[in-house]
Amino acid sequence: MPTHEGLDIGALTEASRRAVLRLFVRRGLLEPQATQSMSGWPNEGLHVHNRISLRAGDPASAAGLARFCSRAPVALGGLA
């Protein structure tokens, strides 16, 4: 699996996917059976992006990354 500075991105993506699905089940957004069938999908919709790095003492970059992460993944106005 691809690594980035010692991190196994595939393992990190899989752990994140499982955590998100468990959260959805706990909140009643998905049935446990649905998460089991989703594990066989070739693209489950979760990706760990590892190409952005921040340097210590660079608050402008940290703020920019925080703004990017807080954006909605879909423009809600386009769904109507």
C-alpha atoms as a PDB file:
ATOM      1  CA  MET A   1       0.000   0.000   0.000  1.00  0.00           C
ATOM      2  CA  PRO A   2       1.233   3.543  -0.667  1.00  0.00           C
ATOM      3  CA  THR A   3       2.947   5.275   2.194  1.00  0.00           C
ATOM      4  CA  HIS A   4       3.647   8.894   2.990  1.00  0.00           C
ATOM      5  CA  GLU A   5       6.284   9.676   5.573  1.00  0.00           C
ATOM      6  CA  GLY A   6       5.824   6.286   7.215  1.00  0.00           C
ATOM      7  CA  LEU A   7       1.998   6.260   7.113  1.00  0.00           C
ATOM      8  CA  ASP A   8       0.202   3.422   5.369  1.00  0.00           C
ATOM      9  CA  ILE A   9      -2.462   5.438   3.538  1.00  0.00           C
ATOM     10  CA  GLY A  10      -4.483   2.362   2.609  1.00  0.00           C
ATOM     11  CA  ALA A  11      -4.696   1.260   6.241  1.00  0.00           C
ATOM     12  CA  LEU A  12      -5.539   4.807   7.343  1.00  0.00           C
ATOM     13  CA  THR A  13      -8.273   5.062   4.709  1.00  0.00           C
ATOM     14  CA  GLU A  14      -9.746   1.711   5.778  1.00  0.00           C
ATOM     15  CA  ALA A  15      -9.686   2.634   9.476  1.00  0.00           C
ATOM     16  CA  SER A  16     -11.351   5.969   8.701  1.00  0.00           C
ATOM     17  CA  ARG A  17     -14.005   4.269   6.564  1.00  0.00           C
ATOM     18  CA  ARG A  18     -14.860   1.814   9.335  1.00  0.00           C
ATOM     19  CA  ALA A  19     -15.031   4.615  11.926  1.00  0.00           C
ATOM     20  CA  VAL A  20     -17.369   6.716   9.755  1.00  0.00           C
ATOM     21  CA  LEU A  21     -19.650   3.759   9.067  1.00  0.00           C
ATOM     22  CA  ARG A  22     -19.790   2.858  12.784  1.00  0.00           C
ATOM     23  CA  LEU A  23     -20.712   6.475  13.569  1.00  0.00           C
ATOM     24  CA  PHE A  24     -23.498   6.398  10.961  1.00  0.00           C
ATOM     25  CA  VAL A  25     -24.879   3.180  12.463  1.00  0.00           C
ATOM     26  CA  ARG A  26     -24.741   4.605  16.012  1.00  0.00           C
ATOM     27  CA  ARG A  27     -26.629   7.705  14.887  1.00  0.00           C
ATOM     28  CA  GLY A  28     -29.246   5.660  13.074  1.00  0.00           C
ATOM     29  CA  LEU A  29     -28.269   6.918   9.623  1.00  0.00           C
ATOM     30  CA  LEU A  30     -27.426   3.443   8.285  1.00  0.00           C
ATOM     31  CA  GLU A  31     -28.460  -0.082   9.138  1.00  0.00           C
ATOM     32  CA  PRO A  32     -25.603  -2.440  10.061  1.00  0.00           C
ATOM     33  CA  GLN A  33     -26.493  -4.664   7.085  1.00  0.00           C
ATOM     34  CA  ALA A  34     -25.976  -1.728   4.712  1.00  0.00           C
ATOM     35  CA  THR A  35     -22.456  -1.159   5.974  1.00  0.00           C
ATOM     36  CA  GLN A  36     -21.630  -4.825   5.413  1.00  0.00           C
ATOM     37  CA  SER A  37     -22.709  -4.680   1.772  1.00  0.00           C
ATOM     38  CA  MET A  38     -20.838  -1.384   1.287  1.00  0.00           C
ATOM     39  CA  SER A  39     -17.559  -3.054   2.256  1.00  0.00           C
ATOM     40  CA  GLY A  40     -17.596  -4.856  -1.089  1.00  0.00           C
ATOM     41  CA  TRP A  41     -17.932  -1.726  -3.185  1.00  0.00           C
ATOM     42  CA  PRO A  42     -14.858  -0.860  -5.273  1.00  0.00           C
ATOM     43  CA  ASN A  43     -15.120   2.836  -4.306  1.00  0.00           C
ATOM     44  CA  GLU A  44     -16.824   3.479  -1.007  1.00  0.00           C
ATOM     45  CA  GLY A  45     -16.581   7.267  -1.254  1.00  0.00           C
ATOM     46  CA  LEU A  46     -13.935   7.898   1.403  1.00  0.00           C
ATOM     47  CA  HIS A  47     -10.425   8.988   0.606  1.00  0.00           C
ATOM     48  CA  VAL A  48      -7.580  10.064   2.862  1.00  0.00           C
ATOM     49  CA  HIS A  49      -5.784  12.952   1.168  1.00  0.00           C
ATOM     50  CA  ASN A  50      -2.122  13.092   2.148  1.00  0.00           C
ATOM     51  CA  ARG A  51      -0.614  15.598  -0.246  1.00  0.00           C
ATOM     52  CA  ILE A  52      -0.993  18.691   1.921  1.00  0.00           C
ATOM     53  CA  SER A  53       1.538  19.372   4.640  1.00  0.00           C
ATOM     54  CA  LEU A  54       1.860  22.335   6.944  1.00  0.00           C
ATOM     55  CA  ARG A  55       5.025  23.788   8.357  1.00  0.00           C
ATOM     56  CA  ALA A  56       5.331  24.893  11.944  1.00  0.00           C
ATOM     57  CA  GLY A  57       4.884  28.624  12.297  1.00  0.00           C
ATOM     58  CA  ASP A  58       2.732  29.043   9.179  1.00  0.00           C
ATOM     59  CA  PRO A  59      -0.672  30.109  10.551  1.00  0.00           C
ATOM     60  CA  ALA A  60      -1.924  31.340   7.160  1.00  0.00           C
ATOM     61  CA  SER A  61      -1.573  27.862   5.650  1.00  0.00           C
ATOM     62  CA  ALA A  62      -3.212  26.252   8.693  1.00  0.00           C
ATOM     63  CA  ALA A  63      -6.144  28.670   8.435  1.00  0.00           C
ATOM     64  CA  GLY A  64      -6.497  27.968   4.714  1.00  0.00           C
ATOM     65  CA  LEU A  65      -6.561  24.230   5.315  1.00  0.00           C
ATOM     66  CA  ALA A  66      -9.144  24.660   8.082  1.00  0.00           C
ATOM     67  CA  ARG A  67     -11.363  26.695   5.728  1.00  0.00           C
ATOM     68  CA  PHE A  68     -11.035  24.022   3.044  1.00  0.00           C
ATOM     69  CA  CYS A  69     -11.926  21.211   5.485  1.00  0.00           C
ATOM     70  CA  SER A  70     -14.989  23.057   6.758  1.00  0.00           C
ATOM     71  CA  ARG A  71     -16.576  23.456   3.314  1.00  0.00           C
ATOM     72  CA  ALA A  72     -19.570  21.358   2.397  1.00  0.00           C
ATOM     73  CA  PRO A  73     -18.581  18.511   0.032  1.00  0.00           C
ATOM     74  CA  VAL A  74     -21.537  19.315  -2.235  1.00  0.00           C
ATOM     75  CA  ALA A  75     -22.951  22.689  -3.208  1.00  0.00           C
ATOM     76  CA  LEU A  76     -26.399  22.445  -1.651  1.00  0.00           C
ATOM     77  CA  GLY A  77     -27.836  25.005  -4.071  1.00  0.00           C
ATOM     78  CA  GLY A  78     -27.130  22.638  -6.959  1.00  0.00           C
ATOM     79  CA  LEU A  79     -29.288  19.883  -5.448  1.00  0.00           C
ATOM     80  CA  ALA A  80     -32.603  21.684  -5.878  1.00  0.00           C
END
